[in-house]
Amino acid sequence: MVKIGDIELGEFPLLLAPMEDVSDPPFRELCKKNGADVMYTEFISSEGLIRDAAKSVQKLDFYEYERPLGIQIFGDNIESMKRATEITAASNPDIIDINYGCPVKKVACKGAGAGILQDIPKMVRMTAEIVKSTNLPVTVKTRLGWDENTKYIVEVAERLQDVGIKAISIHGRTRKQMYKGFADWTLIGEIKDNPRMQIPVFGNGDVDSPEKAVEMRKKYGVDGVMIGRASIGYPWIFREIKHYMETGSHLAAPSFDDRLNAAIYHLKRSVEWKGERLGVLEMRRHYTNYFKGIPNFKNHRIKLVTTDDLEPLMEAFEEIRETFSVPV
């Protein structure tokens, strides 16, 4: 049984990765229904929380059915991160996660996210202070290192465990790689082989099929996998992996109507949650995967990602239904 603190997660938990403008409550709902064991929020700026910025504060919201849920925070200032931890804890999540992995320039080049991988002593100090400032279990999401010459993650994981984190999720790329090339899980495997490591180690990066999840479990001994990009517009991946692990056979892929109904439901929930403008806009990245592999769909997809208002978008969906759905 894998546990984060006292939270039992099953034998091989599947985690939904924190993704900006993706891992919001509407999408988390779909992933939960399809078997995700732990979900993390979009990352939240510590400075935004301290200043009571509306966008940051809204990201603290979640539904009870989402538990166990982790709220992820990021920042480069230790005092700000401590205060943000206290604010976050008041929302009563199950876990507080620290983002030490975001590679985007506006975050990493300010010393937050993956930027802190250039200052490991600060990373350890910050983690220790965050752990001390809450009774909730603290977890970390990070990368192998800043670049090929600074892949110190085996030692870093041990040091973070020593200051009190309860689990670590590692993306098998450096910050310099961003999302290019292939994730390298060999160092993640080395962390699992370190006899001093007692906390769960979750692997992340390129898990896009049931076979890949099983391979990573067998080859590197990870306690679970964290899934990010492969779940965008395809929340079924969690149940497909679980079914394959339990039976060795593939679950039938979602039908066209399953995909269409999920996309429409997701859109409506997104608009309810964020308002029409943002709800419509932030759904666009999901449509490619919702309708991946559907022949002759290109023009419909273009319409979905260029329509700005809900009503004509719903009309476009009805047109898609009439064109592609198989009569009962």
Protein backbone atom coordinates (compact mmCIF):
# COMPACT_ATOMS: atom_id res chain seq x y z
CA MET A 1 0.00 0.00 0.00
CA VAL A 2 1.48 3.34 -1.09
CA LYS A 3 0.89 6.18 1.37
CA ILE A 4 1.55 9.91 1.45
CA GLY A 5 1.68 10.55 5.17
CA ASP A 6 -1.39 8.72 6.45
CA ILE A 7 -3.24 8.88 3.13
CA GLU A 8 -3.61 5.44 1.57
CA LEU A 9 -3.43 5.47 -2.23
CA GLY A 10 -3.60 1.82 -3.26
CA GLU A 11 -0.88 -0.43 -4.65
CA PHE A 12 0.18 1.68 -7.64
CA PRO A 13 -1.49 5.09 -7.67
CA LEU A 14 -1.99 7.17 -10.79
CA LEU A 15 -1.56 10.88 -10.23
CA LEU A 16 -2.88 13.73 -12.36
CA ALA A 17 -0.03 16.17 -12.88
CA PRO A 18 -0.48 19.84 -12.03
CA MET A 19 -0.80 21.70 -15.33
CA GLU A 20 -1.42 25.41 -15.74
CA ASP A 21 -4.79 26.18 -17.37
CA VAL A 22 -5.52 22.43 -17.53
CA SER A 23 -5.78 20.87 -14.04
CA ASP A 24 -8.81 22.91 -13.03
CA PRO A 25 -11.89 21.50 -11.22
CA PRO A 26 -13.85 20.68 -14.42
CA PHE A 27 -10.99 18.61 -15.82
CA ARG A 28 -10.15 17.08 -12.45
CA GLU A 29 -13.76 15.89 -12.21
CA LEU A 30 -13.42 13.94 -15.45
CA CYS A 31 -10.09 12.46 -14.38
CA LYS A 32 -11.49 11.44 -11.00
CA LYS A 33 -14.44 9.70 -12.65
CA ASN A 34 -11.98 7.81 -14.83
CA GLY A 35 -9.76 6.54 -12.04
CA ALA A 36 -7.14 9.15 -11.10
CA ASP A 37 -6.07 8.38 -7.51
CA VAL A 38 -4.53 11.74 -6.57
CA MET A 39 -4.97 15.07 -8.26
CA TYR A 40 -3.00 18.27 -8.01
CA THR A 41 -4.27 21.76 -8.73
CA GLU A 42 -2.76 24.12 -11.24
CA PHE A 43 0.28 25.76 -9.67
CA ILE A 44 -0.48 28.80 -7.57
CA SER A 45 1.81 31.79 -7.10
CA SER A 46 2.83 32.32 -3.48
CA GLU A 47 3.00 36.06 -4.10
CA GLY A 48 -0.49 35.96 -5.62
CA LEU A 49 -1.86 34.22 -2.53
CA ILE A 50 -0.21 36.68 -0.16
CA ARG A 51 -1.63 39.62 -2.12
CA ASP A 52 -5.05 37.99 -2.28
CA ALA A 53 -5.03 38.06 -6.08
CA ALA A 54 -8.37 36.74 -7.33
CA LYS A 55 -6.91 34.31 -9.90
CA SER A 56 -4.56 32.75 -7.34
CA VAL A 57 -7.16 32.49 -4.60
CA GLN A 58 -9.72 30.88 -6.93
CA LYS A 59 -7.27 28.06 -7.64
CA LEU A 60 -7.52 27.02 -3.99
CA ASP A 61 -11.12 25.91 -4.55
CA PHE A 62 -11.93 22.24 -4.91
CA TYR A 63 -14.81 19.84 -4.33
CA GLU A 64 -14.95 17.24 -1.58
CA TYR A 65 -15.26 14.40 -4.10
CA GLU A 66 -11.82 15.26 -5.47
CA ARG A 67 -9.99 14.02 -2.38
CA PRO A 68 -7.24 13.14 -1.89
CA LEU A 69 -6.13 16.39 -3.49
CA GLY A 70 -2.90 18.34 -3.38
CA ILE A 71 -2.64 22.09 -3.84
CA GLN A 72 0.58 23.11 -5.56
CA ILE A 73 2.38 26.38 -4.84
CA PHE A 74 5.45 28.01 -6.33
CA GLY A 75 7.72 30.95 -5.59
CA ASP A 76 11.33 31.99 -5.03
CA ASN A 77 11.05 33.71 -1.64
CA ILE A 78 11.17 31.47 1.42
CA GLU A 79 9.10 33.75 3.68
CA SER A 80 6.46 34.18 0.98
CA MET A 81 6.29 30.43 0.47
CA LYS A 82 5.83 29.88 4.21
CA ARG A 83 2.97 32.39 4.32
CA ALA A 84 1.43 30.89 1.18
CA THR A 85 1.61 27.47 2.82
CA GLU A 86 -0.39 28.75 5.78
CA ILE A 87 -3.00 30.30 3.46
CA THR A 88 -3.18 27.10 1.43
CA ALA A 89 -3.54 24.92 4.52
CA ALA A 90 -6.58 26.97 5.55
CA SER A 91 -8.35 25.60 2.44
CA ASN A 92 -7.97 22.15 3.99
CA PRO A 93 -6.45 20.15 1.13
CA ASP A 94 -4.98 16.72 1.82
CA ILE A 95 -1.49 17.59 0.56
CA ILE A 96 0.62 20.67 -0.11
CA ASP A 97 2.91 20.26 -3.11
CA ILE A 98 5.90 22.44 -3.97
CA ASN A 99 6.57 23.17 -7.62
CA TYR A 100 10.29 22.80 -8.29
CA GLY A 101 9.76 21.67 -11.86
CA CYS A 102 8.03 24.33 -13.99
CA PRO A 103 10.44 25.11 -16.85
CA VAL A 104 8.74 28.16 -18.39
CA LYS A 105 10.91 31.24 -18.60
CA LYS A 106 8.72 33.63 -16.60
CA VAL A 107 8.85 31.23 -13.64
CA ALA A 108 12.21 29.45 -13.84
CA CYS A 109 14.29 32.50 -14.72
CA LYS A 110 13.07 34.22 -11.55
CA GLY A 111 14.38 31.37 -9.43
CA ALA A 112 11.02 29.67 -8.89
CA GLY A 113 9.84 26.34 -10.31
CA ALA A 114 12.76 24.55 -11.96
CA GLY A 115 14.84 27.69 -11.45
CA ILE A 116 15.62 26.64 -7.89
CA LEU A 117 17.51 23.63 -9.27
CA GLN A 118 20.38 26.10 -9.75
CA ASP A 119 20.50 26.61 -5.97
CA ILE A 120 20.07 23.26 -4.23
CA PRO A 121 20.92 24.55 -0.71
CA LYS A 122 18.11 27.12 -1.04
CA MET A 123 15.78 24.40 -2.33
CA VAL A 124 16.46 22.31 0.76
CA ARG A 125 16.10 25.30 3.13
CA MET A 126 12.82 26.36 1.54
CA THR A 127 11.43 22.84 1.73
CA ALA A 128 12.40 22.53 5.39
CA GLU A 129 10.65 25.81 6.25
CA ILE A 130 7.49 24.82 4.38
CA VAL A 131 7.37 21.45 6.14
CA LYS A 132 7.73 23.19 9.52
CA SER A 133 4.92 25.63 8.75
CA THR A 134 2.15 23.04 8.26
CA ASN A 135 0.80 19.81 9.72
CA LEU A 136 -0.26 18.64 6.26
CA PRO A 137 1.96 16.26 4.31
CA VAL A 138 4.26 18.15 1.94
CA THR A 139 5.28 16.68 -1.43
CA VAL A 140 7.61 17.92 -4.15
CA LYS A 141 7.41 17.90 -7.95
CA THR A 142 10.74 18.49 -9.66
CA ARG A 143 13.04 17.58 -12.57
CA LEU A 144 16.36 15.81 -12.96
CA GLY A 145 18.31 19.06 -12.83
CA TRP A 146 18.77 22.39 -14.55
CA ASP A 147 20.75 20.91 -17.45
CA GLU A 148 22.79 17.85 -18.39
CA ASN A 149 25.65 18.94 -16.11
CA THR A 150 23.54 19.41 -12.97
CA LYS A 151 21.49 16.22 -12.67
CA TYR A 152 21.85 15.89 -8.89
CA ILE A 153 18.37 14.50 -8.31
CA VAL A 154 19.47 11.29 -6.54
CA GLU A 155 21.18 13.31 -3.80
CA VAL A 156 18.50 16.02 -3.86
CA ALA A 157 15.68 13.53 -3.31
CA GLU A 158 17.45 12.16 -0.24
CA ARG A 159 18.03 15.63 1.19
CA LEU A 160 14.40 16.61 0.64
CA GLN A 161 13.25 13.44 2.36
CA ASP A 162 15.55 14.26 5.28
CA VAL A 163 13.84 17.62 5.83
CA GLY A 164 10.41 16.01 5.92
CA ILE A 165 8.67 15.67 2.56
CA LYS A 166 6.29 12.70 2.31
CA ALA A 167 6.61 11.91 -1.43
CA ILE A 168 8.46 13.13 -4.51
CA SER A 169 7.38 13.22 -8.15
CA ILE A 170 10.15 13.51 -10.71
CA HIS A 171 9.83 14.50 -14.35
CA GLY A 172 12.54 12.69 -16.29
CA ARG A 173 13.85 15.76 -18.11
CA THR A 174 16.06 18.71 -17.22
CA ARG A 175 14.80 22.26 -17.27
CA LYS A 176 16.88 22.93 -20.38
CA GLN A 177 15.06 20.13 -22.22
CA MET A 178 11.67 21.69 -21.47
CA TYR A 179 9.36 19.01 -23.00
CA LYS A 180 11.62 18.02 -25.89
CA GLY A 181 13.25 14.68 -26.55
CA PHE A 182 12.47 11.71 -24.35
CA ALA A 183 12.14 11.51 -20.59
CA ASP A 184 15.06 9.66 -18.96
CA TRP A 185 13.85 7.52 -16.07
CA THR A 186 17.20 5.97 -15.16
CA LEU A 187 17.90 8.43 -12.35
CA ILE A 188 14.36 7.98 -11.06
CA GLY A 189 15.17 4.28 -10.86
CA GLU A 190 18.39 5.08 -8.98
CA ILE A 191 16.39 7.02 -6.39
CA LYS A 192 14.13 4.01 -5.89
CA ASP A 193 17.23 1.81 -5.52
CA ASN A 194 18.68 4.07 -2.81
CA PRO A 195 18.20 2.11 0.44
CA ARG A 196 17.89 5.38 2.40
CA MET A 197 14.76 6.42 0.53
CA GLN A 198 11.61 5.55 2.46
CA ILE A 199 9.05 7.88 0.86
CA PRO A 200 7.06 7.14 -2.33
CA VAL A 201 8.78 8.04 -5.58
CA PHE A 202 6.49 8.82 -8.51
CA GLY A 203 7.76 8.99 -12.07
CA ASN A 204 6.55 11.50 -14.64
CA GLY A 205 7.23 12.02 -18.31
CA ASP A 206 6.06 10.27 -21.50
CA VAL A 207 3.59 7.89 -19.81
CA ASP A 208 1.06 7.90 -22.63
CA SER A 209 -0.19 4.29 -22.70
CA PRO A 210 -0.98 1.39 -20.39
CA GLU A 211 2.10 -0.46 -21.67
CA LYS A 212 4.35 2.48 -20.80
CA ALA A 213 3.00 2.64 -17.24
CA VAL A 214 3.63 -1.08 -16.74
CA GLU A 215 7.11 -0.79 -18.26
CA MET A 216 8.07 2.05 -15.90
CA ARG A 217 6.78 0.13 -12.91
CA LYS A 218 8.71 -3.03 -13.81
CA LYS A 219 11.89 -1.40 -15.05
CA TYR A 220 12.36 1.37 -12.49
CA GLY A 221 10.31 0.21 -9.50
CA VAL A 222 8.43 3.50 -9.08
CA ASP A 223 5.59 3.60 -6.55
CA GLY A 224 3.19 5.17 -9.06
CA VAL A 225 3.14 7.36 -12.14
CA MET A 226 2.11 10.96 -12.64
CA ILE A 227 0.37 11.66 -15.94
CA GLY A 228 0.25 15.08 -17.54
CA ARG A 229 0.06 15.78 -21.25
CA ALA A 230 -1.35 12.35 -22.17
CA SER A 231 -4.46 13.09 -20.11
CA ILE A 232 -5.27 16.40 -21.83
CA GLY A 233 -8.51 15.78 -23.72
CA TYR A 234 -8.22 12.10 -22.80
CA PRO A 235 -9.17 11.50 -19.14
CA TRP A 236 -9.83 7.83 -20.00
CA ILE A 237 -6.11 7.08 -19.82
CA PHE A 238 -6.35 6.48 -16.06
CA ARG A 239 -8.99 3.76 -16.31
CA GLU A 240 -7.25 2.23 -19.33
CA ILE A 241 -3.98 1.87 -17.38
CA LYS A 242 -5.78 0.38 -14.37
CA HIS A 243 -7.68 -2.11 -16.50
CA TYR A 244 -4.49 -3.19 -18.29
CA MET A 245 -2.62 -3.61 -15.00
CA GLU A 246 -5.43 -5.73 -13.55
CA THR A 247 -6.21 -7.89 -16.57
CA GLY A 248 -3.35 -7.63 -19.08
CA SER A 249 -5.90 -6.70 -21.73
CA HIS A 250 -6.93 -3.41 -23.26
CA LEU A 251 -10.15 -1.67 -22.34
CA ALA A 252 -12.24 -0.70 -25.34
CA ALA A 253 -11.47 2.85 -26.39
CA PRO A 254 -14.16 5.46 -25.78
CA SER A 255 -16.68 5.65 -28.61
CA PHE A 256 -17.09 8.77 -30.68
CA ASP A 257 -20.20 9.67 -28.69
CA ASP A 258 -18.28 9.15 -25.43
CA ARG A 259 -15.66 11.60 -26.64
CA LEU A 260 -18.19 14.10 -27.91
CA ASN A 261 -20.31 14.01 -24.75
CA ALA A 262 -17.23 14.36 -22.53
CA ALA A 263 -15.99 17.35 -24.54
CA ILE A 264 -19.38 19.08 -24.34
CA TYR A 265 -19.74 18.38 -20.62
CA HIS A 266 -16.18 19.60 -20.04
CA LEU A 267 -16.87 22.80 -21.98
CA LYS A 268 -20.07 23.55 -20.05
CA ARG A 269 -18.36 22.95 -16.70
CA SER A 270 -15.41 25.07 -17.78
CA VAL A 271 -17.70 27.97 -18.66
CA GLU A 272 -19.58 27.59 -15.35
CA TRP A 273 -16.29 27.65 -13.48
CA LYS A 274 -14.39 30.43 -15.28
CA GLY A 275 -16.97 32.40 -17.21
CA GLU A 276 -17.58 32.24 -20.94
CA ARG A 277 -14.46 33.95 -22.27
CA LEU A 278 -11.87 31.98 -20.30
CA GLY A 279 -13.93 28.81 -20.23
CA VAL A 280 -14.12 28.71 -24.03
CA LEU A 281 -10.49 29.74 -24.52
CA GLU A 282 -8.90 27.27 -22.10
CA MET A 283 -10.85 24.33 -23.51
CA ARG A 284 -9.14 24.64 -26.88
CA ARG A 285 -6.06 22.63 -25.97
CA HIS A 286 -8.27 19.64 -25.13
CA TYR A 287 -10.07 19.32 -28.46
CA THR A 288 -7.17 17.79 -30.41
CA ASN A 289 -7.05 14.79 -28.08
CA TYR A 290 -10.80 14.50 -27.60
CA PHE A 291 -11.11 13.91 -31.34
CA LYS A 292 -7.70 12.46 -32.16
CA GLY A 293 -7.73 9.94 -34.98
CA ILE A 294 -11.21 10.84 -36.25
CA PRO A 295 -11.03 10.93 -40.06
CA ASN A 296 -12.07 14.11 -41.86
CA PHE A 297 -12.29 16.06 -38.63
CA LYS A 298 -9.82 18.85 -39.41
CA ASN A 299 -12.34 21.54 -40.46
CA HIS A 300 -14.51 20.83 -37.43
CA ARG A 301 -11.49 21.12 -35.14
CA ILE A 302 -10.54 24.44 -36.70
CA LYS A 303 -14.05 25.72 -35.97
CA LEU A 304 -13.82 24.52 -32.33
CA VAL A 305 -10.53 26.33 -31.72
CA THR A 306 -11.49 29.57 -33.46
CA THR A 307 -15.03 30.10 -32.14
CA ASP A 308 -15.07 32.56 -29.25
CA ASP A 309 -18.64 32.33 -27.95
CA LEU A 310 -20.48 29.49 -26.30
CA GLU A 311 -23.68 29.48 -28.35
CA PRO A 312 -22.04 29.06 -31.80
CA LEU A 313 -19.64 26.56 -30.22
CA MET A 314 -22.57 24.44 -29.05
CA GLU A 315 -24.03 24.68 -32.55
CA ALA A 316 -20.70 23.43 -33.92
CA PHE A 317 -20.88 20.46 -31.56
CA GLU A 318 -24.40 19.61 -32.71
CA GLU A 319 -23.19 19.76 -36.30
CA ILE A 320 -20.38 17.36 -35.35
CA ARG A 321 -22.89 15.02 -33.72
CA GLU A 322 -25.08 14.95 -36.81
CA THR A 323 -22.07 14.36 -39.05
CA PHE A 324 -20.19 11.67 -37.12
CA SER A 325 -22.47 9.94 -34.62
CA VAL A 326 -23.63 6.46 -35.44
CA PRO A 327 -27.46 6.13 -35.27
CA VAL A 328 -28.68 3.82 -32.51
